[in-house]
């Protein structure tokens, strides 16, 4: 994605005449005025920045990196079509980036669904905080009463929800007193 974004930077440099790039003819499928070609050059720069930002978010493991990349792909492909003679092979890069975006969207969509479902489960939990007392455990068998007393649970809130999370070969249990 970074290489593809830097190629877009070449389109900006060419249209703004900041650098002579002999490999790029600058021919478009429709004729452009000098002013319009500068606007198009600015779009080349914007797409470059979108892809760089998207790549940076990907490296920072931000789930929404693909949203920025999709905007970049749409603009990029429009520019590629306009400059087809010079830029047609950029379509291949856009297809690879789009494939990665589709996979990332699937992961994002699944994670969002799980978060929403988990949130709906947690909102059902009674919000009243109850403290465990000796009277509460008096009807339990003596062995259980002894275990509860030794585990220092008396005087603490009743645990109403438990959420387990797995992290790379280790499992952590998060207890929530809601």
N, C-alpha and C. Protein backbone atom coordinates (compact mmCIF):
# COMPACT_ATOMS: atom_id res chain seq x y z
N UNK A 1 0.83 -1.18 0.00
CA UNK A 1 0.00 0.00 0.00
C UNK A 1 0.88 1.25 0.00
N UNK A 2 1.98 1.18 0.69
CA UNK A 2 2.89 2.34 0.73
C UNK A 2 3.49 2.63 -0.65
N UNK A 3 3.88 1.59 -1.35
CA UNK A 3 4.43 1.77 -2.70
C UNK A 3 3.36 2.35 -3.61
N UNK A 4 2.15 1.84 -3.52
CA UNK A 4 1.06 2.33 -4.34
C UNK A 4 0.79 3.81 -4.03
N UNK A 5 0.86 4.17 -2.75
CA UNK A 5 0.63 5.57 -2.39
C UNK A 5 1.73 6.48 -2.95
N UNK A 6 2.96 6.00 -2.95
CA UNK A 6 4.06 6.81 -3.49
C UNK A 6 3.95 6.97 -5.00
N UNK A 7 3.38 5.99 -5.67
CA UNK A 7 3.13 6.12 -7.11
C UNK A 7 2.08 7.22 -7.34
N UNK A 8 1.10 7.30 -6.45
CA UNK A 8 0.12 8.39 -6.54
C UNK A 8 0.80 9.74 -6.34
N UNK A 9 1.80 9.79 -5.50
CA UNK A 9 2.55 11.02 -5.31
C UNK A 9 3.20 11.47 -6.62
N UNK A 10 3.63 10.51 -7.43
CA UNK A 10 4.22 10.85 -8.73
C UNK A 10 3.18 11.55 -9.60
N UNK A 11 1.92 11.14 -9.55
CA UNK A 11 0.86 11.80 -10.30
C UNK A 11 0.69 13.24 -9.86
N UNK A 12 0.78 13.49 -8.57
CA UNK A 12 0.70 14.86 -8.06
C UNK A 12 1.87 15.70 -8.57
N UNK A 13 3.07 15.16 -8.46
CA UNK A 13 4.26 15.89 -8.90
C UNK A 13 4.20 16.21 -10.39
N UNK A 14 3.69 15.27 -11.18
CA UNK A 14 3.58 15.44 -12.62
C UNK A 14 2.58 16.55 -12.96
N UNK A 15 1.38 16.49 -12.35
CA UNK A 15 0.33 17.46 -12.69
C UNK A 15 0.65 18.86 -12.18
N UNK A 16 1.34 18.97 -11.10
CA UNK A 16 1.71 20.29 -10.58
C UNK A 16 3.04 20.77 -11.16
N UNK A 17 3.61 19.96 -12.03
CA UNK A 17 4.87 20.29 -12.70
C UNK A 17 5.99 20.59 -11.70
N UNK A 18 6.01 19.83 -10.62
CA UNK A 18 7.06 19.97 -9.61
C UNK A 18 8.24 19.08 -9.94
N UNK A 19 8.00 18.10 -10.80
CA UNK A 19 9.06 17.19 -11.21
C UNK A 19 8.73 16.66 -12.59
N UNK A 20 9.73 16.51 -13.41
CA UNK A 20 9.55 15.93 -14.74
C UNK A 20 9.71 14.42 -14.63
N UNK A 21 8.63 13.72 -14.88
CA UNK A 21 8.64 12.26 -14.82
C UNK A 21 8.39 11.77 -16.23
N UNK A 22 9.45 11.38 -16.91
CA UNK A 22 9.37 11.02 -18.33
C UNK A 22 8.53 9.76 -18.58
N UNK A 23 8.47 8.87 -17.58
CA UNK A 23 7.71 7.63 -17.75
C UNK A 23 6.20 7.88 -17.81
N UNK A 24 5.77 9.02 -17.30
CA UNK A 24 4.35 9.36 -17.30
C UNK A 24 4.07 10.35 -18.43
N UNK A 25 3.18 9.95 -19.34
CA UNK A 25 2.85 10.83 -20.47
C UNK A 25 1.88 11.93 -20.07
N UNK A 26 1.05 11.65 -19.08
CA UNK A 26 0.05 12.63 -18.65
C UNK A 26 -1.19 12.62 -19.54
N UNK A 27 -1.28 11.67 -20.48
CA UNK A 27 -2.44 11.59 -21.36
C UNK A 27 -3.64 11.06 -20.59
N UNK A 28 -4.77 11.69 -20.84
CA UNK A 28 -6.01 11.29 -20.18
C UNK A 28 -7.03 10.85 -21.23
N UNK A 29 -8.09 10.16 -20.79
CA UNK A 29 -9.11 9.71 -21.73
C UNK A 29 -9.99 10.88 -22.19
N UNK A 30 -10.00 11.97 -21.41
CA UNK A 30 -10.65 13.22 -21.85
C UNK A 30 -9.66 14.36 -21.64
N UNK A 31 -9.66 15.35 -22.51
CA UNK A 31 -8.71 16.46 -22.36
C UNK A 31 -9.01 17.27 -21.10
N UNK A 32 -7.94 17.68 -20.41
CA UNK A 32 -8.08 18.48 -19.19
C UNK A 32 -7.44 19.83 -19.38
N UNK A 33 -8.08 20.87 -18.83
CA UNK A 33 -7.48 22.20 -18.86
C UNK A 33 -6.34 22.25 -17.84
N UNK A 34 -5.56 23.29 -17.90
CA UNK A 34 -4.43 23.46 -16.97
C UNK A 34 -4.93 23.52 -15.52
N UNK A 35 -6.00 24.26 -15.29
CA UNK A 35 -6.54 24.39 -13.93
C UNK A 35 -7.12 23.06 -13.46
N UNK A 36 -7.87 22.39 -14.33
CA UNK A 36 -8.47 21.11 -13.95
C UNK A 36 -7.39 20.06 -13.67
N UNK A 37 -6.30 20.10 -14.44
CA UNK A 37 -5.23 19.12 -14.19
C UNK A 37 -4.57 19.36 -12.83
N UNK A 38 -4.55 20.61 -12.37
CA UNK A 38 -4.01 20.88 -11.02
C UNK A 38 -4.94 20.34 -9.95
N UNK A 39 -6.26 20.48 -10.17
CA UNK A 39 -7.21 19.90 -9.23
C UNK A 39 -7.05 18.38 -9.18
N UNK A 40 -6.93 17.78 -10.36
CA UNK A 40 -6.73 16.33 -10.43
C UNK A 40 -5.41 15.95 -9.75
N UNK A 41 -4.39 16.78 -9.93
CA UNK A 41 -3.11 16.55 -9.25
C UNK A 41 -3.27 16.55 -7.74
N UNK A 42 -4.13 17.44 -7.24
CA UNK A 42 -4.40 17.49 -5.81
C UNK A 42 -5.09 16.20 -5.35
N UNK A 43 -5.97 15.66 -6.20
CA UNK A 43 -6.62 14.39 -5.86
C UNK A 43 -5.59 13.26 -5.80
N UNK A 44 -4.59 13.30 -6.71
CA UNK A 44 -3.50 12.31 -6.64
C UNK A 44 -2.83 12.38 -5.26
N UNK A 45 -2.60 13.61 -4.78
CA UNK A 45 -1.95 13.79 -3.47
C UNK A 45 -2.86 13.30 -2.34
N UNK A 46 -4.14 13.61 -2.43
CA UNK A 46 -5.08 13.18 -1.40
C UNK A 46 -5.12 11.65 -1.31
N UNK A 47 -5.14 11.00 -2.47
CA UNK A 47 -5.16 9.52 -2.47
C UNK A 47 -3.86 8.99 -1.87
N UNK A 48 -2.75 9.62 -2.18
CA UNK A 48 -1.47 9.22 -1.59
C UNK A 48 -1.56 9.29 -0.06
N UNK A 49 -2.08 10.39 0.44
CA UNK A 49 -2.19 10.57 1.90
C UNK A 49 -3.19 9.59 2.52
N UNK A 50 -4.28 9.31 1.82
CA UNK A 50 -5.25 8.33 2.31
C UNK A 50 -4.62 6.96 2.46
N UNK A 51 -3.87 6.53 1.45
CA UNK A 51 -3.22 5.22 1.52
C UNK A 51 -2.14 5.19 2.61
N UNK A 52 -1.38 6.28 2.75
CA UNK A 52 -0.37 6.32 3.80
C UNK A 52 -1.02 6.27 5.19
N UNK A 53 -2.10 7.03 5.38
CA UNK A 53 -2.81 7.02 6.66
C UNK A 53 -3.40 5.65 6.94
N UNK A 54 -3.98 5.05 5.93
CA UNK A 54 -4.57 3.72 6.08
C UNK A 54 -3.50 2.70 6.45
N UNK A 55 -2.35 2.77 5.80
CA UNK A 55 -1.24 1.87 6.12
C UNK A 55 -0.74 2.08 7.54
N UNK A 56 -0.67 3.34 7.97
CA UNK A 56 -0.23 3.63 9.33
C UNK A 56 -1.22 3.07 10.35
N UNK A 57 -2.52 3.25 10.09
CA UNK A 57 -3.54 2.71 10.99
C UNK A 57 -3.49 1.19 11.02
N UNK A 58 -3.21 0.58 9.87
CA UNK A 58 -3.07 -0.88 9.82
C UNK A 58 -1.91 -1.33 10.71
N UNK A 59 -0.78 -0.66 10.60
CA UNK A 59 0.39 -1.02 11.41
C UNK A 59 0.15 -0.77 12.90
N UNK A 60 -0.71 0.21 13.23
CA UNK A 60 -1.05 0.49 14.62
C UNK A 60 -2.20 -0.40 15.11
N UNK A 61 -2.62 -1.33 14.23
CA UNK A 61 -3.69 -2.30 14.55
C UNK A 61 -5.01 -1.63 14.89
N UNK A 62 -5.31 -0.54 14.19
CA UNK A 62 -6.61 0.12 14.32
C UNK A 62 -7.60 -0.60 13.42
N UNK A 63 -8.74 -1.00 13.97
CA UNK A 63 -9.70 -1.81 13.22
C UNK A 63 -10.27 -1.10 12.00
N UNK A 64 -10.38 0.21 12.03
CA UNK A 64 -11.03 0.95 10.95
C UNK A 64 -10.13 1.38 9.81
N UNK A 65 -8.93 0.83 9.72
CA UNK A 65 -8.00 1.24 8.66
C UNK A 65 -8.60 1.05 7.28
N UNK A 66 -9.41 0.01 7.14
CA UNK A 66 -9.96 -0.35 5.84
C UNK A 66 -10.94 0.71 5.33
N UNK A 67 -11.59 1.46 6.22
CA UNK A 67 -12.54 2.49 5.80
C UNK A 67 -11.83 3.59 5.01
N UNK A 68 -10.67 3.97 5.49
CA UNK A 68 -9.87 4.99 4.79
C UNK A 68 -9.37 4.42 3.47
N UNK A 69 -8.95 3.17 3.50
CA UNK A 69 -8.42 2.54 2.29
C UNK A 69 -9.48 2.44 1.20
N UNK A 70 -10.72 2.14 1.57
CA UNK A 70 -11.78 2.02 0.56
C UNK A 70 -12.01 3.36 -0.14
N UNK A 71 -12.00 4.45 0.60
CA UNK A 71 -12.13 5.77 -0.02
C UNK A 71 -10.95 6.00 -0.97
N UNK A 72 -9.76 5.63 -0.52
CA UNK A 72 -8.58 5.75 -1.38
C UNK A 72 -8.70 4.91 -2.63
N UNK A 73 -9.22 3.69 -2.51
CA UNK A 73 -9.36 2.79 -3.67
C UNK A 73 -10.32 3.39 -4.69
N UNK A 74 -11.44 3.93 -4.21
CA UNK A 74 -12.43 4.51 -5.13
C UNK A 74 -11.83 5.68 -5.89
N UNK A 75 -11.18 6.59 -5.17
CA UNK A 75 -10.55 7.74 -5.83
C UNK A 75 -9.41 7.29 -6.73
N UNK A 76 -8.63 6.35 -6.26
CA UNK A 76 -7.50 5.84 -7.03
C UNK A 76 -7.96 5.24 -8.35
N UNK A 77 -9.01 4.42 -8.28
CA UNK A 77 -9.48 3.77 -9.51
C UNK A 77 -10.05 4.80 -10.48
N UNK A 78 -10.69 5.84 -9.97
CA UNK A 78 -11.19 6.90 -10.85
C UNK A 78 -10.02 7.59 -11.56
N UNK A 79 -8.95 7.85 -10.82
CA UNK A 79 -7.75 8.46 -11.43
C UNK A 79 -7.11 7.51 -12.43
N UNK A 80 -7.07 6.23 -12.10
CA UNK A 80 -6.48 5.24 -13.00
C UNK A 80 -7.26 5.18 -14.31
N UNK A 81 -8.57 5.21 -14.21
CA UNK A 81 -9.39 5.20 -15.43
C UNK A 81 -9.12 6.46 -16.26
N UNK A 82 -9.03 7.61 -15.59
CA UNK A 82 -8.78 8.87 -16.29
C UNK A 82 -7.41 8.85 -16.99
N UNK A 83 -6.43 8.29 -16.35
CA UNK A 83 -5.06 8.22 -16.88
C UNK A 83 -4.72 6.78 -17.28
N UNK A 84 -5.64 6.10 -17.93
CA UNK A 84 -5.53 4.68 -18.20
C UNK A 84 -4.21 4.27 -18.84
N UNK A 85 -3.74 5.03 -19.81
CA UNK A 85 -2.51 4.65 -20.53
C UNK A 85 -1.31 4.56 -19.58
N UNK A 86 -1.22 5.49 -18.65
CA UNK A 86 -0.09 5.51 -17.72
C UNK A 86 -0.32 4.65 -16.47
N UNK A 87 -1.58 4.52 -16.06
CA UNK A 87 -1.84 4.02 -14.71
C UNK A 87 -2.61 2.70 -14.63
N UNK A 88 -2.85 2.03 -15.75
CA UNK A 88 -3.72 0.85 -15.75
C UNK A 88 -3.27 -0.25 -14.80
N UNK A 89 -1.98 -0.39 -14.58
CA UNK A 89 -1.49 -1.45 -13.70
C UNK A 89 -1.77 -1.16 -12.22
N UNK A 90 -2.14 0.08 -11.92
CA UNK A 90 -2.54 0.42 -10.55
C UNK A 90 -3.81 -0.30 -10.15
N UNK A 91 -4.59 -0.74 -11.13
CA UNK A 91 -5.80 -1.50 -10.84
C UNK A 91 -5.46 -2.79 -10.09
N UNK A 92 -4.35 -3.41 -10.43
CA UNK A 92 -3.93 -4.64 -9.75
C UNK A 92 -3.66 -4.35 -8.27
N UNK A 93 -2.96 -3.26 -8.00
CA UNK A 93 -2.70 -2.90 -6.60
C UNK A 93 -4.01 -2.61 -5.87
N UNK A 94 -4.94 -1.91 -6.55
CA UNK A 94 -6.22 -1.61 -5.92
C UNK A 94 -7.00 -2.89 -5.61
N UNK A 95 -6.91 -3.88 -6.46
CA UNK A 95 -7.60 -5.16 -6.22
C UNK A 95 -7.02 -5.85 -4.99
N UNK A 96 -5.71 -5.86 -4.86
CA UNK A 96 -5.08 -6.47 -3.67
C UNK A 96 -5.49 -5.73 -2.39
N UNK A 97 -5.47 -4.41 -2.45
CA UNK A 97 -5.85 -3.62 -1.27
C UNK A 97 -7.32 -3.84 -0.95
N UNK A 98 -8.16 -3.90 -1.98
CA UNK A 98 -9.59 -4.14 -1.78
C UNK A 98 -9.83 -5.50 -1.13
N UNK A 99 -9.10 -6.51 -1.55
CA UNK A 99 -9.22 -7.85 -0.96
C UNK A 99 -8.89 -7.80 0.53
N UNK A 100 -7.81 -7.10 0.88
CA UNK A 100 -7.44 -6.96 2.30
C UNK A 100 -8.52 -6.19 3.06
N UNK A 101 -9.11 -5.19 2.41
CA UNK A 101 -10.18 -4.42 3.05
C UNK A 101 -11.41 -5.28 3.31
N UNK A 102 -11.75 -6.13 2.36
CA UNK A 102 -12.91 -7.02 2.51
C UNK A 102 -12.69 -7.98 3.69
N UNK A 103 -11.49 -8.54 3.78
CA UNK A 103 -11.19 -9.43 4.91
C UNK A 103 -11.25 -8.67 6.23
N UNK A 104 -10.71 -7.47 6.25
CA UNK A 104 -10.72 -6.67 7.47
C UNK A 104 -12.13 -6.23 7.83
N UNK A 105 -12.95 -5.93 6.82
CA UNK A 105 -14.34 -5.58 7.08
C UNK A 105 -15.07 -6.75 7.74
N UNK A 106 -14.82 -7.96 7.27
CA UNK A 106 -15.43 -9.14 7.86
C UNK A 106 -15.08 -9.29 9.33
N UNK A 107 -13.82 -9.10 9.65
CA UNK A 107 -13.36 -9.17 11.04
C UNK A 107 -14.00 -8.07 11.88
N UNK A 108 -14.00 -6.84 11.34
CA UNK A 108 -14.59 -5.70 12.03
C UNK A 108 -16.08 -5.93 12.27
N UNK A 109 -16.77 -6.41 11.26
CA UNK A 109 -18.21 -6.66 11.37
C UNK A 109 -18.50 -7.71 12.44
N UNK A 110 -17.73 -8.79 12.45
CA UNK A 110 -17.90 -9.85 13.44
C UNK A 110 -17.65 -9.30 14.85
N UNK A 111 -16.54 -8.58 15.02
CA UNK A 111 -16.20 -8.03 16.35
C UNK A 111 -17.27 -7.05 16.83
N UNK A 112 -17.80 -6.23 15.93
CA UNK A 112 -18.85 -5.29 16.29
C UNK A 112 -20.11 -6.03 16.73
N UNK A 113 -20.45 -7.08 16.01
CA UNK A 113 -21.61 -7.89 16.36
C UNK A 113 -21.45 -8.52 17.73
N UNK A 114 -20.27 -9.06 18.00
CA UNK A 114 -20.00 -9.69 19.31
C UNK A 114 -20.08 -8.63 20.42
N UNK A 115 -19.51 -7.46 20.20
CA UNK A 115 -19.57 -6.39 21.22
C UNK A 115 -21.00 -5.99 21.51
N UNK A 116 -21.81 -5.86 20.45
CA UNK A 116 -23.22 -5.48 20.64
C UNK A 116 -23.99 -6.55 21.40
N UNK A 117 -23.76 -7.81 21.06
CA UNK A 117 -24.43 -8.90 21.77
C UNK A 117 -24.00 -8.95 23.23
N UNK A 118 -22.72 -8.80 23.46
CA UNK A 118 -22.21 -8.81 24.82
C UNK A 118 -22.81 -7.66 25.62
N UNK A 119 -22.90 -6.50 25.02
CA UNK A 119 -23.47 -5.35 25.69
C UNK A 119 -24.94 -5.60 26.04
N UNK A 120 -25.67 -6.26 25.14
CA UNK A 120 -27.08 -6.56 25.42
C UNK A 120 -27.21 -7.54 26.59
N UNK A 121 -26.27 -8.46 26.72
CA UNK A 121 -26.30 -9.39 27.85
C UNK A 121 -26.00 -8.66 29.16
N UNK A 122 -25.07 -7.74 29.11
CA UNK A 122 -24.66 -7.05 30.33
C UNK A 122 -25.70 -6.05 30.80
N UNK A 123 -26.53 -5.52 29.90
CA UNK A 123 -27.55 -4.56 30.33
C UNK A 123 -28.70 -5.23 31.06
N UNK A 124 -28.86 -6.55 30.90
CA UNK A 124 -29.92 -7.30 31.57
C UNK A 124 -29.58 -7.50 33.04
N UNK A 125 -28.32 -7.45 33.39
CA UNK A 125 -27.86 -7.73 34.75
C UNK A 125 -28.45 -6.70 35.72
N UNK A 126 -28.86 -7.18 36.87
CA UNK A 126 -29.42 -6.33 37.91
C UNK A 126 -28.36 -5.33 38.38
N UNK A 127 -28.73 -4.07 38.40
CA UNK A 127 -27.77 -3.02 38.77
C UNK A 127 -27.66 -2.83 40.30
N UNK A 128 -28.55 -3.49 41.08
CA UNK A 128 -28.48 -3.37 42.54
C UNK A 128 -27.26 -4.10 43.05
N UNK A 129 -26.46 -3.39 43.81
CA UNK A 129 -25.25 -4.00 44.38
C UNK A 129 -25.61 -4.65 45.71
N UNK A 130 -25.43 -5.95 45.77
CA UNK A 130 -25.70 -6.67 47.01
C UNK A 130 -24.37 -7.14 47.59
N UNK A 131 -24.27 -7.02 48.89
CA UNK A 131 -23.07 -7.44 49.62
C UNK A 131 -23.36 -8.80 50.26
N UNK A 132 -22.40 -9.70 50.15
CA UNK A 132 -22.56 -11.04 50.74
C UNK A 132 -22.41 -10.92 52.25
N UNK A 133 -23.41 -11.45 52.94
CA UNK A 133 -23.41 -11.40 54.41
C UNK A 133 -23.40 -12.82 54.96
N UNK A 134 -23.12 -12.93 56.25
CA UNK A 134 -23.12 -14.23 56.93
C UNK A 134 -24.52 -14.84 56.92
N UNK A 135 -25.54 -13.97 57.03
CA UNK A 135 -26.93 -14.45 57.01
C UNK A 135 -27.27 -15.09 55.66
N UNK A 136 -26.70 -14.58 54.60
CA UNK A 136 -27.00 -15.10 53.26
C UNK A 136 -26.49 -16.54 53.10
N UNK A 137 -25.40 -16.86 53.75
CA UNK A 137 -24.82 -18.19 53.57
C UNK A 137 -25.22 -19.17 54.67
N UNK A 138 -26.05 -18.73 55.61
CA UNK A 138 -26.41 -19.58 56.76
C UNK A 138 -27.16 -20.84 56.35
N UNK A 139 -27.87 -20.81 55.23
CA UNK A 139 -28.63 -22.00 54.81
C UNK A 139 -27.77 -22.98 54.00
N UNK A 140 -26.55 -22.61 53.72
CA UNK A 140 -25.65 -23.48 52.95
C UNK A 140 -25.04 -24.55 53.84
N UNK A 141 -24.59 -25.63 53.26
CA UNK A 141 -23.93 -26.68 54.06
C UNK A 141 -22.70 -26.12 54.79
N UNK A 142 -22.39 -26.64 55.97
CA UNK A 142 -21.26 -26.12 56.76
C UNK A 142 -19.93 -26.09 56.00
N UNK A 143 -19.69 -27.07 55.15
CA UNK A 143 -18.42 -27.10 54.40
C UNK A 143 -18.35 -25.90 53.45
N UNK A 144 -19.45 -25.60 52.81
CA UNK A 144 -19.50 -24.47 51.88
C UNK A 144 -19.36 -23.16 52.66
N UNK A 145 -20.05 -23.06 53.80
CA UNK A 145 -19.93 -21.85 54.64
C UNK A 145 -18.48 -21.62 55.05
N UNK A 146 -17.81 -22.68 55.45
CA UNK A 146 -16.40 -22.59 55.86
C UNK A 146 -15.53 -22.12 54.69
N UNK A 147 -15.78 -22.69 53.49
CA UNK A 147 -15.00 -22.31 52.31
C UNK A 147 -15.22 -20.83 51.97
N UNK A 148 -16.45 -20.38 52.03
CA UNK A 148 -16.76 -18.97 51.72
C UNK A 148 -16.09 -18.05 52.73
N UNK A 149 -16.13 -18.40 53.99
CA UNK A 149 -15.49 -17.56 55.02
C UNK A 149 -13.98 -17.50 54.83
N UNK A 150 -13.35 -18.62 54.51
CA UNK A 150 -11.89 -18.66 54.31
C UNK A 150 -11.45 -17.96 53.02
N UNK A 151 -12.36 -17.86 52.08
CA UNK A 151 -11.97 -17.20 50.81
C UNK A 151 -12.22 -15.70 50.85
N UNK A 152 -12.59 -15.17 52.02
CA UNK A 152 -12.78 -13.73 52.22
C UNK A 152 -13.82 -13.11 51.29
N UNK A 153 -14.91 -13.82 51.05
CA UNK A 153 -15.98 -13.32 50.19
C UNK A 153 -16.99 -12.52 51.00
N UNK A 154 -17.12 -12.80 52.29
CA UNK A 154 -18.07 -12.08 53.14
C UNK A 154 -17.70 -10.59 53.12
N UNK A 155 -18.71 -9.75 52.86
CA UNK A 155 -18.49 -8.30 52.82
C UNK A 155 -18.20 -7.76 51.42
N UNK A 156 -18.12 -8.64 50.45
CA UNK A 156 -17.89 -8.19 49.07
C UNK A 156 -19.18 -8.27 48.26
N UNK A 157 -19.14 -7.60 47.09
CA UNK A 157 -20.32 -7.61 46.21
C UNK A 157 -20.51 -8.98 45.58
N UNK A 158 -21.76 -9.30 45.30
CA UNK A 158 -22.09 -10.54 44.61
C UNK A 158 -21.67 -10.38 43.15
N UNK A 159 -20.94 -11.35 42.65
CA UNK A 159 -20.52 -11.33 41.24
C UNK A 159 -21.71 -11.79 40.40
N UNK A 160 -22.12 -10.92 39.46
CA UNK A 160 -23.28 -11.24 38.65
C UNK A 160 -22.92 -11.63 37.22
N UNK A 161 -21.76 -11.19 36.76
CA UNK A 161 -21.35 -11.55 35.40
C UNK A 161 -19.89 -11.93 35.39
N UNK A 162 -19.56 -12.83 34.50
CA UNK A 162 -18.18 -13.24 34.30
C UNK A 162 -17.93 -13.24 32.81
N UNK A 163 -16.82 -12.67 32.40
CA UNK A 163 -16.46 -12.62 30.99
C UNK A 163 -15.06 -13.17 30.83
N UNK A 164 -14.91 -14.14 29.96
CA UNK A 164 -13.61 -14.76 29.73
C UNK A 164 -13.04 -14.24 28.42
N UNK A 165 -11.78 -13.89 28.44
CA UNK A 165 -11.09 -13.44 27.24
C UNK A 165 -9.83 -14.27 27.05
N UNK A 166 -9.58 -14.67 25.82
CA UNK A 166 -8.37 -15.44 25.53
C UNK A 166 -7.39 -14.54 24.80
N UNK A 167 -6.16 -14.52 25.24
CA UNK A 167 -5.09 -13.73 24.63
C UNK A 167 -3.90 -14.62 24.35
N UNK A 168 -3.65 -14.92 23.12
CA UNK A 168 -2.45 -15.63 22.67
C UNK A 168 -1.96 -16.70 23.66
N UNK A 169 -2.65 -17.80 23.71
CA UNK A 169 -2.28 -18.97 24.50
C UNK A 169 -2.50 -18.80 25.99
N UNK A 170 -3.06 -17.70 26.42
CA UNK A 170 -3.35 -17.52 27.84
C UNK A 170 -4.82 -17.14 27.96
N UNK A 171 -5.43 -17.52 29.03
CA UNK A 171 -6.83 -17.17 29.26
C UNK A 171 -6.92 -16.33 30.52
N UNK A 172 -7.59 -15.21 30.40
CA UNK A 172 -7.82 -14.34 31.54
C UNK A 172 -9.31 -14.30 31.79
N UNK A 173 -9.70 -14.27 33.04
CA UNK A 173 -11.11 -14.16 33.38
C UNK A 173 -11.33 -12.81 34.00
N UNK A 174 -12.24 -12.04 33.42
CA UNK A 174 -12.57 -10.73 33.96
C UNK A 174 -13.87 -10.86 34.75
N UNK A 175 -13.84 -10.49 36.00
CA UNK A 175 -15.03 -10.55 36.82
C UNK A 175 -15.62 -9.15 36.88
N UNK A 176 -16.91 -9.09 36.76
CA UNK A 176 -17.59 -7.80 36.78
C UNK A 176 -18.67 -7.82 37.84
N UNK A 177 -18.65 -6.87 38.72
CA UNK A 177 -19.68 -6.77 39.73
C UNK A 177 -20.64 -5.67 39.29
N UNK A 178 -21.64 -6.05 38.55
CA UNK A 178 -22.58 -5.06 38.00
C UNK A 178 -23.84 -5.03 38.81
